[in-house]
Amino acid sequence: MRKARLSGRMIGATVARRAASSPLVIDWLPVLVVPPVLVLDAALSIRGKPIDVLNVLAAFAGCLPLVLRRRLSFPLMAPLLVGGVVLVLWLLHPETSVVLIPMVALFELALNGDRRRSLWMSLAVAPCVFISVVPFASGWPHIASIVVRNLALCVLAIAAGDVLRTRRLATQQLVRTREQEREKGRARWKARADRA
């Protein structure tokens, strides 16, 4: 009995690892995870609209650009993200969670880009945030607070992606350096053995 449970866990872990490394799952996972968060936020929000089928579909449609986040560059992705955010705000009106849509995309873009691209995205995301918020905010103080908060969260996502990318590159460089040192050590041992 215990062996069967252990075997079942191992199979489950193997399936989970394969699914987590599948490009299809990686592409579609945010489209499946973020919309329920948006719908829940809208349901709990004072200003949220009543939840119906159209609102739920809008949440999923607004997150569809996230499928392309590993294939498109920021200039191509930005209008899709702005459109998705506007659609979600217009039909669903979640309180604060709508910023998850650009955060997921910006994190992935920074993770797969370089430092220059991350800096450029940090500057270029400001007008995108402003354009997304202006039609739905009430008054300049409200617009300013929402823009500053959402911009800070977007820049934080870019910074997190950039830090992880930098760490990944540093780790790869360290592994390469250690491998080269091992090869040099083996070559020295072989040269000594040949001389002896």
N, C-alpha and C. Protein backbone atom coordinates (compact mmCIF):
# COMPACT_ATOMS: atom_id res chain seq x y z
N MET A 1 0.82 -1.20 0.00
CA MET A 1 0.00 0.00 0.00
C MET A 1 0.86 1.26 0.00
N ARG A 2 1.89 1.24 0.86
CA ARG A 2 2.77 2.40 0.95
C ARG A 2 3.54 2.60 -0.35
N LYS A 3 3.99 1.50 -0.97
CA LYS A 3 4.70 1.59 -2.25
C LYS A 3 3.81 2.18 -3.32
N ALA A 4 2.55 1.80 -3.33
CA ALA A 4 1.61 2.32 -4.33
C ALA A 4 1.42 3.82 -4.17
N ARG A 5 1.29 4.29 -2.91
CA ARG A 5 1.16 5.74 -2.67
C ARG A 5 2.42 6.49 -3.10
N LEU A 6 3.57 5.94 -2.74
CA LEU A 6 4.83 6.56 -3.11
C LEU A 6 4.99 6.60 -4.62
N SER A 7 4.62 5.52 -5.29
CA SER A 7 4.69 5.47 -6.75
C SER A 7 3.74 6.48 -7.36
N GLY A 8 2.53 6.60 -6.80
CA GLY A 8 1.56 7.59 -7.29
C GLY A 8 2.08 9.01 -7.14
N ARG A 9 2.74 9.30 -6.02
CA ARG A 9 3.31 10.64 -5.82
C ARG A 9 4.42 10.91 -6.82
N MET A 10 5.26 9.89 -7.07
CA MET A 10 6.36 10.08 -8.02
C MET A 10 5.83 10.34 -9.41
N ILE A 11 4.77 9.59 -9.80
CA ILE A 11 4.18 9.80 -11.12
C ILE A 11 3.56 11.19 -11.19
N GLY A 12 2.86 11.58 -10.13
CA GLY A 12 2.26 12.92 -10.08
C GLY A 12 3.31 14.02 -10.17
N ALA A 13 4.42 13.83 -9.46
CA ALA A 13 5.50 14.82 -9.49
C ALA A 13 6.12 14.90 -10.88
N THR A 14 6.28 13.75 -11.53
CA THR A 14 6.83 13.72 -12.88
C THR A 14 5.91 14.43 -13.86
N VAL A 15 4.62 14.15 -13.75
CA VAL A 15 3.65 14.81 -14.63
C VAL A 15 3.65 16.31 -14.39
N ALA A 16 3.70 16.73 -13.12
CA ALA A 16 3.72 18.16 -12.79
C ALA A 16 4.97 18.83 -13.34
N ARG A 17 6.13 18.17 -13.24
CA ARG A 17 7.37 18.75 -13.77
C ARG A 17 7.29 18.91 -15.28
N ARG A 18 6.78 17.88 -15.96
CA ARG A 18 6.66 17.97 -17.41
C ARG A 18 5.68 19.06 -17.82
N ALA A 19 4.57 19.16 -17.11
CA ALA A 19 3.57 20.19 -17.43
C ALA A 19 4.15 21.58 -17.18
N ALA A 20 4.91 21.74 -16.09
CA ALA A 20 5.48 23.04 -15.77
C ALA A 20 6.54 23.46 -16.78
N SER A 21 7.17 22.51 -17.44
CA SER A 21 8.20 22.85 -18.42
C SER A 21 7.64 22.89 -19.84
N SER A 22 6.38 22.57 -20.01
CA SER A 22 5.76 22.60 -21.33
C SER A 22 5.52 24.04 -21.78
N PRO A 23 5.99 24.42 -22.97
CA PRO A 23 5.76 25.79 -23.45
C PRO A 23 4.27 26.13 -23.55
N LEU A 24 3.47 25.17 -23.89
CA LEU A 24 2.03 25.40 -24.01
C LEU A 24 1.42 25.77 -22.65
N VAL A 25 1.81 25.04 -21.62
CA VAL A 25 1.31 25.32 -20.27
C VAL A 25 1.84 26.66 -19.79
N ILE A 26 3.11 26.93 -20.02
CA ILE A 26 3.70 28.20 -19.60
C ILE A 26 3.00 29.37 -20.28
N ASP A 27 2.67 29.22 -21.55
CA ASP A 27 1.99 30.30 -22.28
C ASP A 27 0.57 30.54 -21.77
N TRP A 28 -0.17 29.48 -21.51
CA TRP A 28 -1.59 29.61 -21.18
C TRP A 28 -1.89 29.71 -19.69
N LEU A 29 -0.96 29.39 -18.83
CA LEU A 29 -1.22 29.40 -17.39
C LEU A 29 -1.72 30.75 -16.87
N PRO A 30 -1.10 31.88 -17.22
CA PRO A 30 -1.64 33.15 -16.72
C PRO A 30 -3.05 33.45 -17.23
N VAL A 31 -3.39 32.96 -18.41
CA VAL A 31 -4.73 33.18 -18.96
C VAL A 31 -5.76 32.39 -18.16
N LEU A 32 -5.33 31.33 -17.52
CA LEU A 32 -6.24 30.54 -16.69
C LEU A 32 -6.25 30.99 -15.23
N VAL A 33 -5.17 31.60 -14.77
CA VAL A 33 -5.05 31.96 -13.36
C VAL A 33 -5.49 33.40 -13.08
N VAL A 34 -5.11 34.35 -13.93
CA VAL A 34 -5.39 35.76 -13.66
C VAL A 34 -6.88 36.12 -13.74
N PRO A 35 -7.65 35.64 -14.72
CA PRO A 35 -9.07 36.03 -14.78
C PRO A 35 -9.89 35.72 -13.53
N PRO A 36 -9.73 34.54 -12.91
CA PRO A 36 -10.49 34.35 -11.66
C PRO A 36 -10.13 35.36 -10.57
N VAL A 37 -8.87 35.77 -10.53
CA VAL A 37 -8.47 36.80 -9.56
C VAL A 37 -9.17 38.12 -9.89
N LEU A 38 -9.22 38.48 -11.17
CA LEU A 38 -9.90 39.70 -11.59
C LEU A 38 -11.39 39.65 -11.24
N VAL A 39 -12.03 38.53 -11.51
CA VAL A 39 -13.46 38.39 -11.23
C VAL A 39 -13.71 38.46 -9.72
N LEU A 40 -12.88 37.79 -8.94
CA LEU A 40 -13.04 37.84 -7.48
C LEU A 40 -12.84 39.26 -6.97
N ASP A 41 -11.85 39.95 -7.48
CA ASP A 41 -11.61 41.34 -7.07
C ASP A 41 -12.80 42.22 -7.42
N ALA A 42 -13.36 42.04 -8.60
CA ALA A 42 -14.53 42.83 -8.99
C ALA A 42 -15.74 42.49 -8.13
N ALA A 43 -15.89 41.22 -7.78
CA ALA A 43 -17.03 40.81 -6.94
C ALA A 43 -16.92 41.41 -5.54
N LEU A 44 -15.70 41.54 -5.03
CA LEU A 44 -15.49 42.09 -3.69
C LEU A 44 -15.41 43.61 -3.69
N SER A 45 -15.22 44.21 -4.84
CA SER A 45 -15.05 45.65 -4.95
C SER A 45 -16.38 46.38 -4.76
N ILE A 46 -16.31 47.54 -4.15
CA ILE A 46 -17.49 48.38 -3.98
C ILE A 46 -17.95 48.90 -5.34
N ARG A 47 -16.98 49.26 -6.18
CA ARG A 47 -17.31 49.83 -7.49
C ARG A 47 -17.41 48.78 -8.59
N GLY A 48 -17.22 47.52 -8.27
CA GLY A 48 -17.29 46.47 -9.27
C GLY A 48 -18.70 46.32 -9.82
N LYS A 49 -18.80 45.89 -11.03
CA LYS A 49 -20.11 45.67 -11.65
C LYS A 49 -20.62 44.29 -11.26
N PRO A 50 -21.93 44.08 -11.34
CA PRO A 50 -22.44 42.72 -11.07
C PRO A 50 -21.81 41.71 -12.04
N ILE A 51 -21.45 40.58 -11.50
CA ILE A 51 -20.75 39.57 -12.29
C ILE A 51 -21.76 38.78 -13.12
N ASP A 52 -21.51 38.73 -14.42
CA ASP A 52 -22.30 37.89 -15.32
C ASP A 52 -21.35 37.23 -16.32
N VAL A 53 -21.91 36.48 -17.23
CA VAL A 53 -21.10 35.73 -18.19
C VAL A 53 -20.24 36.66 -19.04
N LEU A 54 -20.79 37.78 -19.46
CA LEU A 54 -20.04 38.73 -20.29
C LEU A 54 -18.82 39.26 -19.56
N ASN A 55 -18.97 39.56 -18.28
CA ASN A 55 -17.84 40.07 -17.49
C ASN A 55 -16.74 39.02 -17.35
N VAL A 56 -17.13 37.78 -17.11
CA VAL A 56 -16.15 36.71 -16.97
C VAL A 56 -15.43 36.49 -18.30
N LEU A 57 -16.17 36.51 -19.39
CA LEU A 57 -15.55 36.38 -20.72
C LEU A 57 -14.61 37.55 -20.99
N ALA A 58 -14.99 38.75 -20.56
CA ALA A 58 -14.11 39.92 -20.72
C ALA A 58 -12.81 39.74 -19.95
N ALA A 59 -12.89 39.15 -18.77
CA ALA A 59 -11.67 38.91 -17.98
C ALA A 59 -10.74 37.96 -18.73
N PHE A 60 -11.29 36.90 -19.29
CA PHE A 60 -10.45 35.96 -20.04
C PHE A 60 -9.93 36.59 -21.33
N ALA A 61 -10.78 37.34 -22.03
CA ALA A 61 -10.36 38.00 -23.27
C ALA A 61 -9.28 39.05 -22.99
N GLY A 62 -9.41 39.77 -21.89
CA GLY A 62 -8.41 40.77 -21.53
C GLY A 62 -7.05 40.17 -21.22
N CYS A 63 -7.05 38.91 -20.80
CA CYS A 63 -5.80 38.23 -20.47
C CYS A 63 -5.20 37.47 -21.65
N LEU A 64 -5.92 37.36 -22.75
CA LEU A 64 -5.40 36.63 -23.92
C LEU A 64 -4.05 37.14 -24.44
N PRO A 65 -3.78 38.45 -24.40
CA PRO A 65 -2.44 38.88 -24.87
C PRO A 65 -1.29 38.24 -24.10
N LEU A 66 -1.55 37.74 -22.90
CA LEU A 66 -0.49 37.12 -22.11
C LEU A 66 0.05 35.85 -22.77
N VAL A 67 -0.74 35.24 -23.64
CA VAL A 67 -0.28 34.05 -24.36
C VAL A 67 0.91 34.40 -25.25
N LEU A 68 0.94 35.61 -25.74
CA LEU A 68 1.98 36.04 -26.70
C LEU A 68 3.19 36.68 -26.02
N ARG A 69 3.22 36.74 -24.71
CA ARG A 69 4.26 37.51 -24.00
C ARG A 69 5.67 37.00 -24.25
N ARG A 70 5.84 35.73 -24.60
CA ARG A 70 7.19 35.20 -24.86
C ARG A 70 7.56 35.30 -26.33
N ARG A 71 6.62 35.69 -27.17
CA ARG A 71 6.87 35.73 -28.62
C ARG A 71 6.97 37.14 -29.18
N LEU A 72 6.35 38.11 -28.51
CA LEU A 72 6.32 39.48 -29.04
C LEU A 72 7.21 40.39 -28.23
N SER A 73 7.69 41.43 -28.86
CA SER A 73 8.48 42.44 -28.16
C SER A 73 7.53 43.44 -27.50
N PHE A 74 8.07 44.30 -26.66
CA PHE A 74 7.25 45.27 -25.96
C PHE A 74 6.47 46.20 -26.89
N PRO A 75 7.08 46.74 -27.94
CA PRO A 75 6.29 47.64 -28.80
C PRO A 75 5.07 46.96 -29.43
N LEU A 76 5.16 45.68 -29.70
CA LEU A 76 4.00 44.96 -30.24
C LEU A 76 3.04 44.51 -29.14
N MET A 77 3.58 44.27 -27.97
CA MET A 77 2.78 43.78 -26.85
C MET A 77 2.01 44.90 -26.16
N ALA A 78 2.55 46.10 -26.11
CA ALA A 78 1.95 47.21 -25.36
C ALA A 78 0.52 47.52 -25.79
N PRO A 79 0.22 47.67 -27.09
CA PRO A 79 -1.17 47.97 -27.45
C PRO A 79 -2.14 46.84 -27.08
N LEU A 80 -1.67 45.61 -27.16
CA LEU A 80 -2.52 44.48 -26.77
C LEU A 80 -2.80 44.49 -25.27
N LEU A 81 -1.78 44.81 -24.49
CA LEU A 81 -1.96 44.88 -23.04
C LEU A 81 -2.89 46.02 -22.65
N VAL A 82 -2.68 47.19 -23.27
CA VAL A 82 -3.55 48.33 -22.98
C VAL A 82 -4.99 47.99 -23.35
N GLY A 83 -5.19 47.36 -24.50
CA GLY A 83 -6.54 46.96 -24.90
C GLY A 83 -7.15 45.96 -23.93
N GLY A 84 -6.37 45.01 -23.47
CA GLY A 84 -6.86 44.03 -22.51
C GLY A 84 -7.24 44.67 -21.18
N VAL A 85 -6.41 45.58 -20.71
CA VAL A 85 -6.70 46.27 -19.45
C VAL A 85 -7.95 47.13 -19.59
N VAL A 86 -8.06 47.86 -20.69
CA VAL A 86 -9.23 48.71 -20.91
C VAL A 86 -10.50 47.85 -20.98
N LEU A 87 -10.44 46.73 -21.67
CA LEU A 87 -11.60 45.85 -21.76
C LEU A 87 -12.02 45.35 -20.38
N VAL A 88 -11.05 44.92 -19.58
CA VAL A 88 -11.36 44.42 -18.24
C VAL A 88 -11.92 45.54 -17.36
N LEU A 89 -11.32 46.73 -17.42
CA LEU A 89 -11.82 47.84 -16.61
C LEU A 89 -13.21 48.27 -17.05
N TRP A 90 -13.46 48.24 -18.34
CA TRP A 90 -14.74 48.70 -18.87
C TRP A 90 -15.87 47.74 -18.50
N LEU A 91 -15.65 46.44 -18.67
CA LEU A 91 -16.74 45.49 -18.46
C LEU A 91 -16.76 44.86 -17.07
N LEU A 92 -15.64 44.80 -16.39
CA LEU A 92 -15.59 44.10 -15.11
C LEU A 92 -15.37 45.06 -13.94
N HIS A 93 -14.49 46.00 -14.11
CA HIS A 93 -14.13 47.02 -13.12
C HIS A 93 -13.62 46.44 -11.81
N PRO A 94 -12.51 45.66 -11.86
CA PRO A 94 -11.90 45.20 -10.61
C PRO A 94 -11.23 46.38 -9.89
N GLU A 95 -11.04 46.24 -8.62
CA GLU A 95 -10.49 47.34 -7.82
C GLU A 95 -9.00 47.57 -8.13
N THR A 96 -8.16 46.60 -7.82
CA THR A 96 -6.71 46.81 -7.96
C THR A 96 -5.99 45.72 -8.75
N SER A 97 -6.62 44.60 -8.97
CA SER A 97 -5.90 43.46 -9.53
C SER A 97 -5.66 43.54 -11.03
N VAL A 98 -6.24 44.50 -11.72
CA VAL A 98 -6.07 44.58 -13.18
C VAL A 98 -4.60 44.80 -13.56
N VAL A 99 -3.81 45.32 -12.65
CA VAL A 99 -2.40 45.54 -12.93
C VAL A 99 -1.64 44.22 -13.09
N LEU A 100 -2.24 43.11 -12.68
CA LEU A 100 -1.60 41.80 -12.87
C LEU A 100 -1.36 41.49 -14.34
N ILE A 101 -2.25 41.95 -15.21
CA ILE A 101 -2.12 41.65 -16.64
C ILE A 101 -0.80 42.20 -17.18
N PRO A 102 -0.52 43.50 -17.04
CA PRO A 102 0.78 43.97 -17.55
C PRO A 102 1.96 43.47 -16.73
N MET A 103 1.76 43.24 -15.44
CA MET A 103 2.87 42.78 -14.61
C MET A 103 3.41 41.43 -15.09
N VAL A 104 2.50 40.51 -15.40
CA VAL A 104 2.93 39.18 -15.88
C VAL A 104 3.70 39.32 -17.19
N ALA A 105 3.17 40.12 -18.10
CA ALA A 105 3.83 40.29 -19.40
C ALA A 105 5.18 41.00 -19.26
N LEU A 106 5.23 42.05 -18.46
CA LEU A 106 6.49 42.80 -18.30
C LEU A 106 7.55 41.96 -17.60
N PHE A 107 7.14 41.17 -16.63
CA PHE A 107 8.09 40.28 -15.96
C PHE A 107 8.72 39.32 -16.97
N GLU A 108 7.89 38.71 -17.79
CA GLU A 108 8.38 37.75 -18.79
C GLU A 108 9.27 38.44 -19.83
N LEU A 109 8.87 39.63 -20.27
CA LEU A 109 9.67 40.37 -21.25
C LEU A 109 11.03 40.73 -20.67
N ALA A 110 11.06 41.15 -19.40
CA ALA A 110 12.34 41.49 -18.77
C ALA A 110 13.19 40.24 -18.54
N LEU A 111 12.54 39.14 -18.21
CA LEU A 111 13.25 37.89 -17.97
C LEU A 111 13.94 37.39 -19.23
N ASN A 112 13.34 37.63 -20.38
CA ASN A 112 13.90 37.14 -21.63
C ASN A 112 14.60 38.22 -22.45
N GLY A 113 14.77 39.40 -21.90
CA GLY A 113 15.41 40.49 -22.62
C GLY A 113 16.81 40.76 -22.13
N ASP A 114 17.17 42.02 -22.14
CA ASP A 114 18.46 42.45 -21.60
C ASP A 114 18.24 43.72 -20.77
N ARG A 115 19.30 44.21 -20.16
CA ARG A 115 19.19 45.35 -19.25
C ARG A 115 18.69 46.59 -19.98
N ARG A 116 19.18 46.83 -21.18
CA ARG A 116 18.77 48.01 -21.95
C ARG A 116 17.27 47.96 -22.26
N ARG A 117 16.81 46.79 -22.64
CA ARG A 117 15.38 46.62 -22.94
C ARG A 117 14.53 46.83 -21.69
N SER A 118 15.00 46.35 -20.55
CA SER A 118 14.27 46.54 -19.30
C SER A 118 14.17 48.02 -18.94
N LEU A 119 15.26 48.75 -19.11
CA LEU A 119 15.23 50.19 -18.84
C LEU A 119 14.29 50.91 -19.79
N TRP A 120 14.33 50.53 -21.06
CA TRP A 120 13.45 51.14 -22.04
C TRP A 120 11.99 50.86 -21.70
N MET A 121 11.68 49.62 -21.33
CA MET A 121 10.30 49.27 -20.96
C MET A 121 9.84 50.03 -19.73
N SER A 122 10.75 50.25 -18.78
CA SER A 122 10.39 50.99 -17.57
C SER A 122 9.93 52.41 -17.90
N LEU A 123 10.53 53.00 -18.90
CA LEU A 123 10.12 54.34 -19.32
C LEU A 123 8.87 54.29 -20.20
N ALA A 124 8.81 53.33 -21.10
CA ALA A 124 7.72 53.27 -22.07
C ALA A 124 6.41 52.79 -21.47
N VAL A 125 6.45 52.17 -20.31
CA VAL A 125 5.21 51.67 -19.71
C VAL A 125 4.38 52.79 -19.10
N ALA A 126 4.99 53.92 -18.78
CA ALA A 126 4.25 55.03 -18.15
C ALA A 126 3.08 55.52 -19.01
N PRO A 127 3.28 55.82 -20.29
CA PRO A 127 2.11 56.24 -21.08
C PRO A 127 1.05 55.15 -21.22
N CYS A 128 1.48 53.90 -21.24
CA CYS A 128 0.52 52.80 -21.33
C CYS A 128 -0.37 52.75 -20.09
N VAL A 129 0.24 52.91 -18.93
CA VAL A 129 -0.53 52.92 -17.68
C VAL A 129 -1.48 54.12 -17.67
N PHE A 130 -0.98 55.27 -18.06
CA PHE A 130 -1.80 56.49 -18.06
C PHE A 130 -3.01 56.33 -18.99
N ILE A 131 -2.77 55.83 -20.20
CA ILE A 131 -3.84 55.66 -21.19
C ILE A 131 -4.88 54.65 -20.68
N SER A 132 -4.43 53.62 -19.99
CA SER A 132 -5.36 52.60 -19.50
C SER A 132 -6.25 53.12 -18.38
N VAL A 133 -5.73 54.04 -17.57
CA VAL A 133 -6.44 54.48 -16.37
C VAL A 133 -7.35 55.68 -16.62
N VAL A 134 -6.94 56.60 -17.47
CA VAL A 134 -7.65 57.87 -17.64
C VAL A 134 -9.15 57.72 -17.89
N PRO A 135 -9.60 56.84 -18.76
CA PRO A 135 -11.05 56.78 -19.01
C PRO A 135 -11.89 56.31 -17.81
N PHE A 136 -11.27 55.70 -16.81
CA PHE A 136 -12.04 55.09 -15.73
C PHE A 136 -11.83 55.75 -14.38
N ALA A 137 -10.93 56.70 -14.27
CA ALA A 137 -10.67 57.36 -12.99
C ALA A 137 -11.54 58.60 -12.86
N SER A 138 -11.78 58.98 -11.63
CA SER A 138 -12.62 60.15 -11.38
C SER A 138 -11.77 61.26 -10.74
N GLY A 139 -11.38 62.23 -11.54
CA GLY A 139 -10.61 63.36 -11.04
C GLY A 139 -9.11 63.12 -11.06
N TRP A 140 -8.36 64.21 -11.14
CA TRP A 140 -6.90 64.13 -11.25
C TRP A 140 -6.22 63.50 -10.04
N PRO A 141 -6.66 63.79 -8.81
CA PRO A 141 -5.99 63.11 -7.68
C PRO A 141 -6.15 61.58 -7.76
N HIS A 142 -7.32 61.14 -8.17
CA HIS A 142 -7.56 59.71 -8.31
C HIS A 142 -6.71 59.13 -9.43
N ILE A 143 -6.63 59.83 -10.56
CA ILE A 143 -5.80 59.38 -11.67
C ILE A 143 -4.35 59.29 -11.25
N ALA A 144 -3.86 60.33 -10.58
CA ALA A 144 -2.46 60.35 -10.17
C ALA A 144 -2.13 59.19 -9.23
N SER A 145 -2.99 58.93 -8.26
CA SER A 145 -2.69 57.85 -7.31
C SER A 145 -2.71 56.48 -7.99
N ILE A 146 -3.67 56.28 -8.89
CA ILE A 146 -3.74 54.99 -9.58
C ILE A 146 -2.57 54.82 -10.53
N VAL A 147 -2.22 55.87 -11.26
CA VAL A 147 -1.11 55.79 -12.20
C VAL A 147 0.19 55.51 -11.45
N VAL A 148 0.42 56.21 -10.35
CA VAL A 148 1.67 56.02 -9.60
C VAL A 148 1.73 54.60 -9.04
N ARG A 149 0.63 54.12 -8.46
CA ARG A 149 0.62 52.76 -7.90
C ARG A 149 0.85 51.71 -8.98
N ASN A 150 0.09 51.80 -10.07
CA ASN A 150 0.21 50.80 -11.14
C ASN A 150 1.56 50.88 -11.84
N LEU A 151 2.07 52.09 -12.03
CA LEU A 151 3.40 52.25 -12.63
C LEU A 151 4.47 51.64 -11.74
N ALA A 152 4.36 51.86 -10.44
CA ALA A 152 5.33 51.28 -9.51
C ALA A 152 5.29 49.75 -9.55
N LEU A 153 4.09 49.19 -9.62
CA LEU A 153 3.98 47.73 -9.68
C LEU A 153 4.52 47.18 -11.01
N CYS A 154 4.29 47.89 -12.10
CA CYS A 154 4.83 47.46 -13.40
C CYS A 154 6.35 47.52 -13.41
N VAL A 155 6.91 48.60 -12.88
CA VAL A 155 8.37 48.73 -12.82
C VAL A 155 8.95 47.67 -11.89
N LEU A 156 8.24 47.36 -10.82
CA LEU A 156 8.68 46.30 -9.92
C LEU A 156 8.72 44.95 -10.64
N ALA A 157 7.73 44.68 -11.46
CA ALA A 157 7.71 43.43 -12.24
C ALA A 157 8.89 43.39 -13.21
N ILE A 158 9.18 44.52 -13.85
CA ILE A 158 10.33 44.59 -14.77
C ILE A 158 11.62 44.35 -14.00
N ALA A 159 11.74 44.99 -12.84
CA ALA A 159 12.96 44.82 -12.04
C ALA A 159 13.12 43.38 -11.57
N ALA A 160 12.02 42.74 -11.17
CA ALA A 160 12.10 41.34 -10.73
C ALA A 160 12.54 40.43 -11.87
N GLY A 161 11.99 40.64 -13.06
CA GLY A 161 12.41 39.85 -14.21
C GLY A 161 13.86 40.08 -14.56
N ASP A 162 14.30 41.33 -14.46
CA ASP A 162 15.69 41.67 -14.77
C ASP A 162 16.64 41.04 -13.75
N VAL A 163 16.28 41.07 -12.47
CA VAL A 163 17.12 40.46 -11.44
C VAL A 163 17.22 38.96 -11.64
N LEU A 164 16.10 38.31 -11.91
CA LEU A 164 16.15 36.86 -12.13
C LEU A 164 16.97 36.51 -13.37
N ARG A 165 16.83 37.30 -14.42
CA ARG A 165 17.62 37.05 -15.63
C ARG A 165 19.11 37.20 -15.33
N THR A 166 19.46 38.25 -14.59
CA THR A 166 20.85 38.50 -14.25
C THR A 166 21.40 37.36 -13.39
N ARG A 167 20.62 36.91 -12.44
CA ARG A 167 21.07 35.78 -11.60
C ARG A 167 21.24 34.51 -12.43
N ARG A 168 20.31 34.28 -13.34
CA ARG A 168 20.40 33.09 -14.19
C ARG A 168 21.66 33.14 -15.03
N LEU A 169 21.96 34.31 -15.61
CA LEU A 169 23.18 34.45 -16.42
C LEU A 169 24.44 34.29 -15.57
N ALA A 170 24.42 34.85 -14.35
CA ALA A 170 25.58 34.72 -13.47
C ALA A 170 25.80 33.25 -13.07
N THR A 171 24.72 32.54 -12.82
CA THR A 171 24.83 31.12 -12.48
C THR A 171 25.38 30.33 -13.65
N GLN A 172 24.89 30.62 -14.85
CA GLN A 172 25.39 29.93 -16.04
C GLN A 172 26.88 30.22 -16.25
N GLN A 173 27.28 31.46 -16.03
CA GLN A 173 28.69 31.83 -16.18
C GLN A 173 29.54 31.11 -15.14
N LEU A 174 29.04 31.02 -13.91
CA LEU A 174 29.77 30.31 -12.86
C LEU A 174 29.93 28.84 -13.20
N VAL A 175 28.89 28.21 -13.71
CA VAL A 175 28.97 26.80 -14.11
C VAL A 175 29.98 26.63 -15.23
N ARG A 176 29.95 27.52 -16.22
CA ARG A 176 30.93 27.44 -17.33
C ARG A 176 32.35 27.61 -16.82
N THR A 177 32.56 28.55 -15.91
CA THR A 177 33.90 28.79 -15.37
C THR A 177 34.40 27.57 -14.60
N ARG A 178 33.52 27.00 -13.77
CA ARG A 178 33.93 25.80 -13.02
C ARG A 178 34.23 24.63 -13.95
N GLU A 179 33.45 24.49 -14.99
CA GLU A 179 33.69 23.42 -15.95
C GLU A 179 35.03 23.62 -16.66
N GLN A 180 35.34 24.86 -17.02
CA GLN A 180 36.62 25.16 -17.66
C GLN A 180 37.78 24.87 -16.71
N GLU A 181 37.60 25.22 -15.43
CA GLU A 181 38.65 24.95 -14.44
C GLU A 181 38.85 23.43 -14.28
N ARG A 182 37.76 22.68 -14.28
CA ARG A 182 37.88 21.22 -14.19
C ARG A 182 38.62 20.66 -15.39
N GLU A 183 38.29 21.17 -16.57
CA GLU A 183 38.97 20.70 -17.78
C GLU A 183 40.46 21.03 -17.73
N LYS A 184 40.78 22.24 -17.27
CA LYS A 184 42.21 22.60 -17.14
C LYS A 184 42.91 21.70 -16.14
N GLY A 185 42.23 21.40 -15.03
CA GLY A 185 42.80 20.50 -14.02
C GLY A 185 43.02 19.10 -14.58
N ARG A 186 42.05 18.61 -15.33
CA ARG A 186 42.20 17.29 -15.95
C ARG A 186 43.35 17.28 -16.95
N ALA A 187 43.47 18.36 -17.72
CA ALA A 187 44.55 18.45 -18.70
C ALA A 187 45.91 18.46 -17.99
N ARG A 188 45.99 19.19 -16.86
CA ARG A 188 47.26 19.21 -16.11
C ARG A 188 47.60 17.82 -15.58
N TRP A 189 46.59 17.13 -15.00
CA TRP A 189 46.84 15.79 -14.50
C TRP A 189 47.28 14.84 -15.59
N LYS A 190 46.64 14.98 -16.75
CA LYS A 190 46.98 14.11 -17.87
C LYS A 190 48.41 14.42 -18.34
N ALA A 191 48.78 15.71 -18.39
CA ALA A 191 50.14 16.08 -18.80
C ALA A 191 51.16 15.54 -17.81
N ARG A 192 50.86 15.62 -16.52
CA ARG A 192 51.77 15.07 -15.50
C ARG A 192 51.89 13.56 -15.62
N ALA A 193 50.75 12.92 -15.87
CA ALA A 193 50.77 11.46 -16.01
C ALA A 193 51.56 11.04 -17.25
N ASP A 194 51.45 11.82 -18.33
CA ASP A 194 52.21 11.50 -19.55
C ASP A 194 53.70 11.68 -19.33
N ARG A 195 54.10 12.67 -18.53
CA ARG A 195 55.51 12.90 -18.26
C ARG A 195 56.09 11.81 -17.37
N ALA A 196 55.27 11.25 -16.51
CA ALA A 196 55.78 10.26 -15.56
C ALA A 196 56.00 8.92 -16.16
